[in-house]
Structures are given as C-alpha cells and as structure tokens.
Amino acid sequence: MSARAVVLSVVALLVAGAVGAGATLLVRGAGPGTAAVPDPASAARTAFPGLAAAGGEPELPGFAAVHPEPGSVEVVEGPFDDRLDLGDLRLGDGAVTGTVAITSDVSELIELQVVAGFYDADGRLLGTGRFTHHAGDQEHSHTGPPAEEESFTVVVPEDLGAAVASAAVGVPVLVNE
C-alpha cells in the first residue's frame, strides 16, 4: 500500500470518527443550539374549575334507583354496557356470582371491576362489594388466546350477613387492549 493510500485512509477514519462523535453529542443534547433539560417544577399545570379529583373506588349511581325482588339479581347500568354482557347471575351461599362476556372485541383483559349492591327483603340498599381482575394477578392469569368471558364472585360483606335478600351488579371499570 502506498504512503498516499495510508494517509487518505487515516484521514477518512479521523473524519468518520469526528462525524460520529458530533452526532452522538447532538443526540444526547450536548451540542450547540440545544436547550438544557427543563425543571419539572416549571411544567405547565392545568386546573378544571369545579371538577374535583377522583377519590376512592368507582361507584354506580344506579344502585340507589333499583329495588330488586327477594332472591333476584338485577343489572345496574354502567359506562361499558355497550362492550359487555352480564350473565349467569345468581345470589346464594353468601355471594353473588356471574360472568362478564366481552362483546366489543376479543383482546387481553387488563382491568375489570364488578360492583354488587346488596339489598334487604324490602329492596333497600344495605351495602356493596367488589370483584377486581388485574391482568397478571396469579389468581386471574389466563394462558392461550384472550378469554371472552370472566367469571366473578362478589362475597356479601360479613356485617350484612343474613339481611341480604337480593342483589344488583354493574361494571364501572373495563380495560382491554
């Protein structure tokens, strides 16, 4: 190899290294014309007058409006009723049970919450209980393709015991892919 070829090769390597180093500095934000990382305390804040932040578990207002007959389980309207069907509803053995069939699509179920209202023999609401499915929980894990149905059990709260004569259920939380 001639001396000229060696010099040109060394120059080409130096130019390529300088271009690579400059590109790295620009991508990392250390080059000219880049701004410093902003202080998170100076980030924009928004407020919605009259809108209170959510607190606690989601509720279904329909529990106050229904008065199920003894031995029955009614469905209370929820925000996701167009995406699911509640079925196989039963009250017995200290719990209300049933299934939620996802009708919008068949994809991974990420979050599901079923709320049950428990009523006395006169149809008065005594209290509520919840079933929650979190994707990846040991007791709620699925293998294979996404499930179209999720069975649920909401146990009657201990303090309501024998006073429970009927129930109503609804779904305030549904998240799937």
N, C-alpha and C. Protein backbone atom coordinates (compact mmCIF):
# COMPACT_ATOMS: atom_id res chain seq x y z
N MET A 1 0.85 -1.16 0.00
CA MET A 1 0.00 0.00 0.00
C MET A 1 0.90 1.22 0.00
N SER A 2 0.56 2.22 -0.79
CA SER A 2 1.40 3.42 -0.91
C SER A 2 1.18 4.32 0.29
N ALA A 3 2.13 5.25 0.50
CA ALA A 3 2.06 6.19 1.61
C ALA A 3 0.83 7.08 1.46
N ARG A 4 0.52 7.45 0.22
CA ARG A 4 -0.65 8.30 -0.05
C ARG A 4 -1.93 7.57 0.36
N ALA A 5 -2.06 6.28 0.08
CA ALA A 5 -3.25 5.50 0.43
C ALA A 5 -3.39 5.39 1.94
N VAL A 6 -2.25 5.22 2.64
CA VAL A 6 -2.28 5.14 4.10
C VAL A 6 -2.75 6.45 4.69
N VAL A 7 -2.24 7.58 4.19
CA VAL A 7 -2.62 8.90 4.69
C VAL A 7 -4.11 9.13 4.44
N LEU A 8 -4.59 8.81 3.23
CA LEU A 8 -6.01 9.00 2.93
C LEU A 8 -6.90 8.11 3.83
N SER A 9 -6.46 6.90 4.11
CA SER A 9 -7.23 6.01 4.99
C SER A 9 -7.30 6.58 6.40
N VAL A 10 -6.18 7.09 6.90
CA VAL A 10 -6.15 7.66 8.25
C VAL A 10 -7.04 8.90 8.32
N VAL A 11 -6.99 9.75 7.30
CA VAL A 11 -7.82 10.96 7.25
C VAL A 11 -9.31 10.56 7.21
N ALA A 12 -9.65 9.56 6.40
CA ALA A 12 -11.04 9.11 6.31
C ALA A 12 -11.52 8.59 7.66
N LEU A 13 -10.68 7.84 8.37
CA LEU A 13 -11.06 7.34 9.69
C LEU A 13 -11.24 8.48 10.68
N LEU A 14 -10.36 9.48 10.64
CA LEU A 14 -10.49 10.62 11.55
C LEU A 14 -11.77 11.42 11.26
N VAL A 15 -12.09 11.63 10.00
CA VAL A 15 -13.31 12.36 9.63
C VAL A 15 -14.54 11.57 10.07
N ALA A 16 -14.55 10.27 9.82
CA ALA A 16 -15.69 9.44 10.22
C ALA A 16 -15.85 9.46 11.74
N GLY A 17 -14.78 9.40 12.49
CA GLY A 17 -14.84 9.44 13.95
C GLY A 17 -15.37 10.77 14.45
N ALA A 18 -14.94 11.86 13.84
CA ALA A 18 -15.39 13.19 14.25
C ALA A 18 -16.88 13.36 13.96
N VAL A 19 -17.34 12.89 12.81
CA VAL A 19 -18.77 12.97 12.48
C VAL A 19 -19.58 12.13 13.46
N GLY A 20 -19.11 10.94 13.77
CA GLY A 20 -19.83 10.08 14.73
C GLY A 20 -19.89 10.70 16.11
N ALA A 21 -18.79 11.26 16.58
CA ALA A 21 -18.76 11.90 17.90
C ALA A 21 -19.68 13.11 17.93
N GLY A 22 -19.70 13.90 16.87
CA GLY A 22 -20.59 15.06 16.81
C GLY A 22 -22.05 14.66 16.82
N ALA A 23 -22.38 13.61 16.07
CA ALA A 23 -23.77 13.14 16.04
C ALA A 23 -24.19 12.63 17.41
N THR A 24 -23.30 11.95 18.10
CA THR A 24 -23.61 11.44 19.43
C THR A 24 -23.88 12.59 20.40
N LEU A 25 -23.07 13.62 20.34
CA LEU A 25 -23.27 14.77 21.22
C LEU A 25 -24.58 15.48 20.92
N LEU A 26 -24.95 15.59 19.65
CA LEU A 26 -26.21 16.25 19.30
C LEU A 26 -27.41 15.43 19.79
N VAL A 27 -27.34 14.13 19.61
CA VAL A 27 -28.45 13.28 20.05
C VAL A 27 -28.59 13.33 21.56
N ARG A 28 -27.50 13.37 22.28
CA ARG A 28 -27.55 13.43 23.74
C ARG A 28 -27.84 14.83 24.25
N GLY A 29 -27.91 15.80 23.40
CA GLY A 29 -28.25 17.15 23.83
C GLY A 29 -27.08 17.98 24.29
N ALA A 30 -25.85 17.60 23.96
CA ALA A 30 -24.70 18.35 24.42
C ALA A 30 -24.10 19.22 23.34
N GLY A 31 -24.76 19.28 22.22
CA GLY A 31 -24.22 20.06 21.13
C GLY A 31 -24.73 21.49 21.15
N PRO A 32 -24.23 22.32 20.24
CA PRO A 32 -24.66 23.71 20.18
C PRO A 32 -26.14 23.81 19.78
N GLY A 33 -26.83 24.78 20.36
CA GLY A 33 -28.22 25.02 20.00
C GLY A 33 -29.21 24.16 20.75
N THR A 34 -28.75 23.34 21.69
CA THR A 34 -29.69 22.52 22.45
C THR A 34 -29.97 23.19 23.77
N ALA A 35 -31.22 23.08 24.23
CA ALA A 35 -31.61 23.69 25.48
C ALA A 35 -31.32 22.74 26.63
N ALA A 36 -31.18 23.31 27.80
CA ALA A 36 -30.99 22.49 28.99
C ALA A 36 -32.29 21.76 29.30
N VAL A 37 -32.20 20.68 30.04
CA VAL A 37 -33.38 19.92 30.44
C VAL A 37 -34.23 20.80 31.35
N PRO A 38 -35.55 20.93 31.03
CA PRO A 38 -36.38 21.82 31.85
C PRO A 38 -36.60 21.26 33.25
N ASP A 39 -36.80 22.16 34.18
CA ASP A 39 -37.08 21.80 35.57
C ASP A 39 -38.54 21.34 35.65
N PRO A 40 -38.80 20.10 36.17
CA PRO A 40 -40.17 19.61 36.24
C PRO A 40 -41.10 20.53 37.02
N ALA A 41 -40.58 21.29 37.98
CA ALA A 41 -41.42 22.20 38.76
C ALA A 41 -41.98 23.33 37.90
N SER A 42 -41.35 23.59 36.76
CA SER A 42 -41.83 24.67 35.90
C SER A 42 -42.77 24.18 34.81
N ALA A 43 -43.14 22.90 34.85
CA ALA A 43 -44.03 22.33 33.84
C ALA A 43 -45.42 22.97 33.95
N ALA A 44 -46.12 22.99 32.83
CA ALA A 44 -47.46 23.56 32.80
C ALA A 44 -48.40 22.77 33.70
N ARG A 45 -49.27 23.47 34.37
CA ARG A 45 -50.27 22.83 35.23
C ARG A 45 -51.64 23.27 34.75
N THR A 46 -52.56 22.32 34.77
CA THR A 46 -53.91 22.65 34.36
C THR A 46 -54.86 22.48 35.52
N ALA A 47 -55.93 23.23 35.49
CA ALA A 47 -56.97 23.12 36.52
C ALA A 47 -58.31 23.22 35.82
N PHE A 48 -59.26 22.45 36.31
CA PHE A 48 -60.60 22.50 35.78
C PHE A 48 -61.51 22.98 36.91
N PRO A 49 -61.89 24.25 36.89
CA PRO A 49 -62.71 24.79 37.98
C PRO A 49 -63.98 23.97 38.18
N GLY A 50 -64.25 23.65 39.43
CA GLY A 50 -65.45 22.92 39.77
C GLY A 50 -65.35 21.42 39.60
N LEU A 51 -64.23 20.91 39.10
CA LEU A 51 -64.06 19.47 38.91
C LEU A 51 -63.15 18.93 40.00
N ALA A 52 -63.73 18.10 40.84
CA ALA A 52 -62.97 17.51 41.94
C ALA A 52 -62.21 16.29 41.45
N ALA A 53 -61.03 16.08 42.00
CA ALA A 53 -60.24 14.90 41.65
C ALA A 53 -60.95 13.65 42.14
N ALA A 54 -60.80 12.58 41.38
CA ALA A 54 -61.42 11.32 41.75
C ALA A 54 -60.81 10.81 43.05
N GLY A 55 -61.64 10.24 43.87
CA GLY A 55 -61.16 9.67 45.13
C GLY A 55 -61.94 8.39 45.41
N GLY A 56 -61.27 7.40 45.92
CA GLY A 56 -61.95 6.16 46.25
C GLY A 56 -62.23 5.30 45.04
N GLU A 57 -63.07 4.30 45.25
CA GLU A 57 -63.44 3.35 44.20
C GLU A 57 -64.57 3.92 43.34
N PRO A 58 -64.63 3.53 42.07
CA PRO A 58 -65.74 4.00 41.23
C PRO A 58 -67.07 3.42 41.70
N GLU A 59 -68.10 4.22 41.64
CA GLU A 59 -69.44 3.81 42.07
C GLU A 59 -70.38 3.84 40.87
N LEU A 60 -71.51 3.19 41.03
CA LEU A 60 -72.57 3.20 40.02
C LEU A 60 -73.81 3.82 40.65
N PRO A 61 -74.25 4.98 40.18
CA PRO A 61 -75.40 5.65 40.78
C PRO A 61 -76.69 4.84 40.70
N GLY A 62 -76.78 3.90 39.78
CA GLY A 62 -77.99 3.11 39.60
C GLY A 62 -78.36 2.25 40.80
N PHE A 63 -77.44 2.01 41.72
CA PHE A 63 -77.77 1.18 42.89
C PHE A 63 -78.88 1.80 43.73
N ALA A 64 -78.94 3.13 43.78
CA ALA A 64 -79.97 3.80 44.57
C ALA A 64 -81.35 3.71 43.92
N ALA A 65 -81.38 3.51 42.61
CA ALA A 65 -82.66 3.53 41.88
C ALA A 65 -83.34 2.17 41.77
N VAL A 66 -82.61 1.07 41.97
CA VAL A 66 -83.22 -0.25 41.82
C VAL A 66 -83.66 -0.78 43.19
N HIS A 67 -84.66 -1.63 43.17
CA HIS A 67 -85.18 -2.28 44.38
C HIS A 67 -85.52 -3.72 44.00
N PRO A 68 -84.47 -4.56 43.88
CA PRO A 68 -84.70 -5.93 43.39
C PRO A 68 -85.59 -6.75 44.32
N GLU A 69 -86.37 -7.61 43.72
CA GLU A 69 -87.22 -8.54 44.46
C GLU A 69 -86.35 -9.55 45.19
N PRO A 70 -86.81 -10.03 46.35
CA PRO A 70 -86.03 -11.04 47.09
C PRO A 70 -85.69 -12.24 46.20
N GLY A 71 -84.44 -12.67 46.30
CA GLY A 71 -83.96 -13.81 45.53
C GLY A 71 -83.46 -13.47 44.14
N SER A 72 -83.64 -12.22 43.72
CA SER A 72 -83.25 -11.85 42.35
C SER A 72 -81.92 -11.09 42.33
N VAL A 73 -81.33 -11.03 41.12
CA VAL A 73 -80.13 -10.23 40.87
C VAL A 73 -80.43 -9.39 39.64
N GLU A 74 -80.40 -8.06 39.78
CA GLU A 74 -80.64 -7.15 38.67
C GLU A 74 -79.32 -6.60 38.15
N VAL A 75 -79.37 -6.06 36.93
CA VAL A 75 -78.20 -5.42 36.34
C VAL A 75 -78.39 -3.91 36.44
N VAL A 76 -77.37 -3.22 36.92
CA VAL A 76 -77.36 -1.77 37.04
C VAL A 76 -76.54 -1.20 35.89
N GLU A 77 -77.04 -0.13 35.30
CA GLU A 77 -76.36 0.49 34.15
C GLU A 77 -74.97 0.98 34.54
N GLY A 78 -74.02 0.70 33.63
CA GLY A 78 -72.64 1.14 33.82
C GLY A 78 -72.12 1.76 32.54
N PRO A 79 -70.95 2.37 32.58
CA PRO A 79 -70.41 3.08 31.41
C PRO A 79 -69.94 2.16 30.27
N PHE A 80 -69.84 0.86 30.50
CA PHE A 80 -69.30 -0.05 29.49
C PHE A 80 -70.31 -1.06 28.99
N ASP A 81 -71.59 -0.81 29.24
CA ASP A 81 -72.64 -1.78 28.88
C ASP A 81 -72.67 -2.10 27.39
N ASP A 82 -72.19 -1.19 26.55
CA ASP A 82 -72.16 -1.45 25.11
C ASP A 82 -71.01 -2.36 24.71
N ARG A 83 -70.13 -2.71 25.66
CA ARG A 83 -68.96 -3.53 25.38
C ARG A 83 -68.98 -4.88 26.08
N LEU A 84 -70.07 -5.18 26.83
CA LEU A 84 -70.09 -6.42 27.60
C LEU A 84 -71.52 -6.88 27.84
N ASP A 85 -71.63 -8.14 28.23
CA ASP A 85 -72.89 -8.73 28.67
C ASP A 85 -72.64 -9.39 30.01
N LEU A 86 -73.55 -9.14 30.97
CA LEU A 86 -73.51 -9.83 32.25
C LEU A 86 -74.47 -11.00 32.18
N GLY A 87 -74.03 -12.17 32.63
CA GLY A 87 -74.88 -13.36 32.56
C GLY A 87 -74.66 -14.31 33.71
N ASP A 88 -75.50 -15.34 33.78
CA ASP A 88 -75.43 -16.38 34.81
C ASP A 88 -75.44 -15.79 36.22
N LEU A 89 -76.23 -14.72 36.43
CA LEU A 89 -76.24 -14.04 37.72
C LEU A 89 -77.03 -14.85 38.75
N ARG A 90 -76.38 -15.07 39.91
CA ARG A 90 -77.00 -15.85 40.99
C ARG A 90 -76.60 -15.26 42.33
N LEU A 91 -77.53 -15.32 43.26
CA LEU A 91 -77.25 -14.94 44.63
C LEU A 91 -77.45 -16.17 45.50
N GLY A 92 -76.44 -16.56 46.23
CA GLY A 92 -76.53 -17.72 47.10
C GLY A 92 -75.22 -18.02 47.76
N ASP A 93 -75.26 -18.73 48.85
CA ASP A 93 -74.06 -19.13 49.59
C ASP A 93 -73.19 -17.93 49.97
N GLY A 94 -73.83 -16.82 50.33
CA GLY A 94 -73.10 -15.65 50.80
C GLY A 94 -72.36 -14.88 49.72
N ALA A 95 -72.79 -14.99 48.46
CA ALA A 95 -72.11 -14.28 47.38
C ALA A 95 -73.03 -14.13 46.18
N VAL A 96 -72.72 -13.17 45.33
CA VAL A 96 -73.36 -13.06 44.03
C VAL A 96 -72.31 -13.47 43.00
N THR A 97 -72.70 -14.32 42.06
CA THR A 97 -71.77 -14.82 41.05
C THR A 97 -72.34 -14.55 39.66
N GLY A 98 -71.47 -14.61 38.68
CA GLY A 98 -71.89 -14.44 37.30
C GLY A 98 -70.70 -14.42 36.36
N THR A 99 -70.97 -14.03 35.12
CA THR A 99 -69.91 -13.90 34.12
C THR A 99 -70.04 -12.57 33.40
N VAL A 100 -68.91 -12.07 32.97
CA VAL A 100 -68.84 -10.89 32.12
C VAL A 100 -68.32 -11.38 30.78
N ALA A 101 -69.13 -11.23 29.73
CA ALA A 101 -68.71 -11.60 28.37
C ALA A 101 -68.35 -10.32 27.63
N ILE A 102 -67.12 -10.22 27.19
CA ILE A 102 -66.66 -9.05 26.43
C ILE A 102 -67.18 -9.18 25.01
N THR A 103 -67.94 -8.19 24.54
CA THR A 103 -68.55 -8.25 23.21
C THR A 103 -67.90 -7.29 22.22
N SER A 104 -67.11 -6.33 22.72
CA SER A 104 -66.54 -5.32 21.81
C SER A 104 -65.44 -5.90 20.94
N ASP A 105 -64.63 -6.76 21.49
CA ASP A 105 -63.57 -7.44 20.75
C ASP A 105 -63.01 -8.51 21.67
N VAL A 106 -62.22 -9.36 21.13
CA VAL A 106 -61.61 -10.39 21.95
C VAL A 106 -60.13 -10.05 22.05
N SER A 107 -59.78 -9.35 23.11
CA SER A 107 -58.39 -8.99 23.33
C SER A 107 -58.08 -9.17 24.81
N GLU A 108 -56.84 -9.02 25.15
CA GLU A 108 -56.39 -9.22 26.52
C GLU A 108 -57.18 -8.35 27.49
N LEU A 109 -57.76 -8.96 28.50
CA LEU A 109 -58.48 -8.24 29.55
C LEU A 109 -57.44 -7.72 30.53
N ILE A 110 -57.39 -6.41 30.69
CA ILE A 110 -56.37 -5.80 31.54
C ILE A 110 -56.94 -5.48 32.92
N GLU A 111 -58.05 -4.79 32.96
CA GLU A 111 -58.70 -4.44 34.23
C GLU A 111 -60.20 -4.65 34.10
N LEU A 112 -60.79 -5.19 35.14
CA LEU A 112 -62.24 -5.36 35.20
C LEU A 112 -62.65 -5.23 36.66
N GLN A 113 -63.69 -4.45 36.89
CA GLN A 113 -64.25 -4.38 38.22
C GLN A 113 -65.76 -4.54 38.14
N VAL A 114 -66.28 -5.48 38.90
CA VAL A 114 -67.71 -5.71 39.01
C VAL A 114 -68.10 -5.27 40.42
N VAL A 115 -69.12 -4.42 40.51
CA VAL A 115 -69.62 -3.98 41.81
C VAL A 115 -70.99 -4.60 42.02
N ALA A 116 -71.22 -5.12 43.21
CA ALA A 116 -72.52 -5.69 43.57
C ALA A 116 -73.11 -4.87 44.71
N GLY A 117 -74.37 -4.52 44.55
CA GLY A 117 -75.12 -3.89 45.63
C GLY A 117 -75.96 -4.97 46.28
N PHE A 118 -76.03 -4.96 47.61
CA PHE A 118 -76.78 -5.97 48.35
C PHE A 118 -77.97 -5.30 49.03
N TYR A 119 -79.16 -5.93 48.92
CA TYR A 119 -80.42 -5.34 49.35
C TYR A 119 -81.13 -6.23 50.36
N ASP A 120 -81.95 -5.60 51.23
CA ASP A 120 -82.75 -6.38 52.18
C ASP A 120 -84.05 -6.81 51.50
N ALA A 121 -84.92 -7.48 52.27
CA ALA A 121 -86.17 -8.02 51.72
C ALA A 121 -87.11 -6.93 51.21
N ASP A 122 -86.94 -5.68 51.68
CA ASP A 122 -87.76 -4.57 51.21
C ASP A 122 -87.14 -3.84 50.02
N GLY A 123 -86.01 -4.32 49.54
CA GLY A 123 -85.34 -3.70 48.39
C GLY A 123 -84.50 -2.50 48.75
N ARG A 124 -84.13 -2.33 50.02
CA ARG A 124 -83.28 -1.21 50.45
C ARG A 124 -81.81 -1.62 50.34
N LEU A 125 -81.01 -0.73 49.79
CA LEU A 125 -79.57 -0.98 49.64
C LEU A 125 -78.91 -1.02 51.00
N LEU A 126 -78.21 -2.12 51.28
CA LEU A 126 -77.52 -2.31 52.55
C LEU A 126 -76.03 -1.97 52.44
N GLY A 127 -75.43 -2.27 51.30
CA GLY A 127 -74.00 -2.06 51.10
C GLY A 127 -73.55 -2.66 49.79
N THR A 128 -72.26 -2.54 49.51
CA THR A 128 -71.72 -3.04 48.24
C THR A 128 -70.47 -3.89 48.49
N GLY A 129 -70.10 -4.64 47.47
CA GLY A 129 -68.87 -5.41 47.45
C GLY A 129 -68.30 -5.38 46.05
N ARG A 130 -67.05 -5.82 45.88
CA ARG A 130 -66.37 -5.72 44.59
C ARG A 130 -65.61 -6.98 44.23
N PHE A 131 -65.54 -7.21 42.93
CA PHE A 131 -64.64 -8.20 42.33
C PHE A 131 -63.74 -7.40 41.40
N THR A 132 -62.42 -7.61 41.51
CA THR A 132 -61.48 -6.89 40.65
C THR A 132 -60.54 -7.88 39.98
N HIS A 133 -60.41 -7.74 38.68
CA HIS A 133 -59.46 -8.53 37.88
C HIS A 133 -58.35 -7.59 37.45
N HIS A 134 -57.11 -7.94 37.78
CA HIS A 134 -55.93 -7.22 37.30
C HIS A 134 -55.15 -8.19 36.42
N ALA A 135 -54.82 -7.79 35.21
CA ALA A 135 -54.03 -8.65 34.33
C ALA A 135 -52.72 -9.01 35.03
N GLY A 136 -52.39 -10.28 34.96
CA GLY A 136 -51.14 -10.75 35.53
C GLY A 136 -51.23 -11.22 36.96
N ASP A 137 -52.36 -10.93 37.66
CA ASP A 137 -52.51 -11.48 39.01
C ASP A 137 -52.49 -13.00 38.94
N GLN A 138 -51.90 -13.62 39.92
CA GLN A 138 -51.80 -15.08 39.94
C GLN A 138 -53.17 -15.74 39.83
N GLU A 139 -54.15 -15.23 40.58
CA GLU A 139 -55.45 -15.88 40.59
C GLU A 139 -56.29 -15.55 39.36
N HIS A 140 -55.86 -14.61 38.55
CA HIS A 140 -56.63 -14.24 37.37
C HIS A 140 -55.85 -14.39 36.07
N SER A 141 -54.79 -15.18 36.07
CA SER A 141 -53.99 -15.30 34.85
C SER A 141 -54.63 -16.30 33.89
N HIS A 142 -54.49 -16.02 32.62
CA HIS A 142 -55.01 -16.89 31.57
C HIS A 142 -53.85 -17.31 30.68
N THR A 143 -53.96 -18.50 30.10
CA THR A 143 -52.98 -18.94 29.12
C THR A 143 -53.72 -19.13 27.80
N GLY A 144 -53.00 -19.04 26.72
CA GLY A 144 -53.62 -19.20 25.41
C GLY A 144 -54.22 -17.90 24.93
N PRO A 145 -55.17 -17.98 23.99
CA PRO A 145 -55.76 -16.76 23.44
C PRO A 145 -56.57 -16.01 24.49
N PRO A 146 -56.82 -14.71 24.29
CA PRO A 146 -57.59 -13.94 25.25
C PRO A 146 -58.97 -14.55 25.51
N ALA A 147 -59.40 -14.49 26.76
CA ALA A 147 -60.70 -15.05 27.14
C ALA A 147 -61.82 -14.08 26.80
N GLU A 148 -62.93 -14.60 26.31
CA GLU A 148 -64.10 -13.78 26.02
C GLU A 148 -64.94 -13.59 27.26
N GLU A 149 -64.82 -14.47 28.24
CA GLU A 149 -65.61 -14.39 29.46
C GLU A 149 -64.73 -14.40 30.69
N GLU A 150 -65.20 -13.70 31.70
CA GLU A 150 -64.54 -13.70 33.00
C GLU A 150 -65.61 -13.99 34.05
N SER A 151 -65.43 -15.05 34.81
CA SER A 151 -66.34 -15.36 35.90
C SER A 151 -65.99 -14.49 37.09
N PHE A 152 -67.01 -14.13 37.88
CA PHE A 152 -66.75 -13.32 39.05
C PHE A 152 -67.57 -13.81 40.24
N THR A 153 -67.07 -13.51 41.42
CA THR A 153 -67.75 -13.77 42.67
C THR A 153 -67.55 -12.56 43.56
N VAL A 154 -68.66 -11.99 44.04
CA VAL A 154 -68.59 -10.88 44.99
C VAL A 154 -69.20 -11.40 46.28
N VAL A 155 -68.38 -11.50 47.30
CA VAL A 155 -68.81 -12.03 48.59
C VAL A 155 -69.62 -10.96 49.33
N VAL A 156 -70.71 -11.38 49.95
CA VAL A 156 -71.51 -10.49 50.78
C VAL A 156 -70.65 -10.05 51.96
N PRO A 157 -70.55 -8.73 52.21
CA PRO A 157 -69.77 -8.28 53.37
C PRO A 157 -70.29 -8.92 54.66
N GLU A 158 -69.36 -9.28 55.52
CA GLU A 158 -69.68 -10.02 56.73
C GLU A 158 -70.73 -9.31 57.59
N ASP A 159 -70.65 -7.99 57.67
CA ASP A 159 -71.57 -7.24 58.53
C ASP A 159 -73.01 -7.21 58.00
N LEU A 160 -73.22 -7.60 56.72
CA LEU A 160 -74.57 -7.60 56.16
C LEU A 160 -75.24 -8.95 56.35
N GLY A 161 -74.43 -10.01 56.33
CA GLY A 161 -74.87 -11.37 56.60
C GLY A 161 -76.24 -11.76 56.11
N ALA A 162 -77.07 -12.23 57.05
CA ALA A 162 -78.37 -12.81 56.73
C ALA A 162 -79.39 -11.77 56.26
N ALA A 163 -79.12 -10.49 56.39
CA ALA A 163 -80.08 -9.46 55.99
C ALA A 163 -80.19 -9.36 54.47
N VAL A 164 -79.22 -9.88 53.72
CA VAL A 164 -79.21 -9.76 52.26
C VAL A 164 -80.24 -10.71 51.66
N ALA A 165 -81.15 -10.11 50.85
CA ALA A 165 -82.21 -10.89 50.20
C ALA A 165 -82.11 -10.84 48.69
N SER A 166 -81.43 -9.82 48.15
CA SER A 166 -81.30 -9.67 46.69
C SER A 166 -80.04 -8.87 46.40
N ALA A 167 -79.74 -8.74 45.10
CA ALA A 167 -78.53 -8.03 44.70
C ALA A 167 -78.72 -7.37 43.34
N ALA A 168 -77.80 -6.46 43.03
CA ALA A 168 -77.71 -5.85 41.71
C ALA A 168 -76.22 -5.76 41.38
N VAL A 169 -75.86 -5.88 40.11
CA VAL A 169 -74.46 -5.82 39.71
C VAL A 169 -74.29 -4.87 38.53
N GLY A 170 -73.09 -4.31 38.42
CA GLY A 170 -72.73 -3.46 37.30
C GLY A 170 -71.23 -3.41 37.16
N VAL A 171 -70.76 -2.87 36.04
CA VAL A 171 -69.32 -2.83 35.74
C VAL A 171 -68.89 -1.37 35.56
N PRO A 172 -68.17 -0.80 36.56
CA PRO A 172 -67.67 0.56 36.42
C PRO A 172 -66.28 0.66 35.79
N VAL A 173 -65.55 -0.48 35.69
CA VAL A 173 -64.19 -0.48 35.15
C VAL A 173 -64.04 -1.63 34.17
N LEU A 174 -63.64 -1.31 32.93
CA LEU A 174 -63.31 -2.31 31.93
C LEU A 174 -62.21 -1.75 31.04
N VAL A 175 -61.07 -2.43 31.04
CA VAL A 175 -59.95 -2.02 30.19
C VAL A 175 -59.46 -3.28 29.47
N ASN A 176 -59.52 -3.25 28.15
CA ASN A 176 -58.91 -4.33 27.37
C ASN A 176 -58.17 -3.69 26.22
N GLU A 177 -57.30 -4.48 25.58
CA GLU A 177 -56.45 -3.93 24.52
C GLU A 177 -57.27 -3.50 23.34
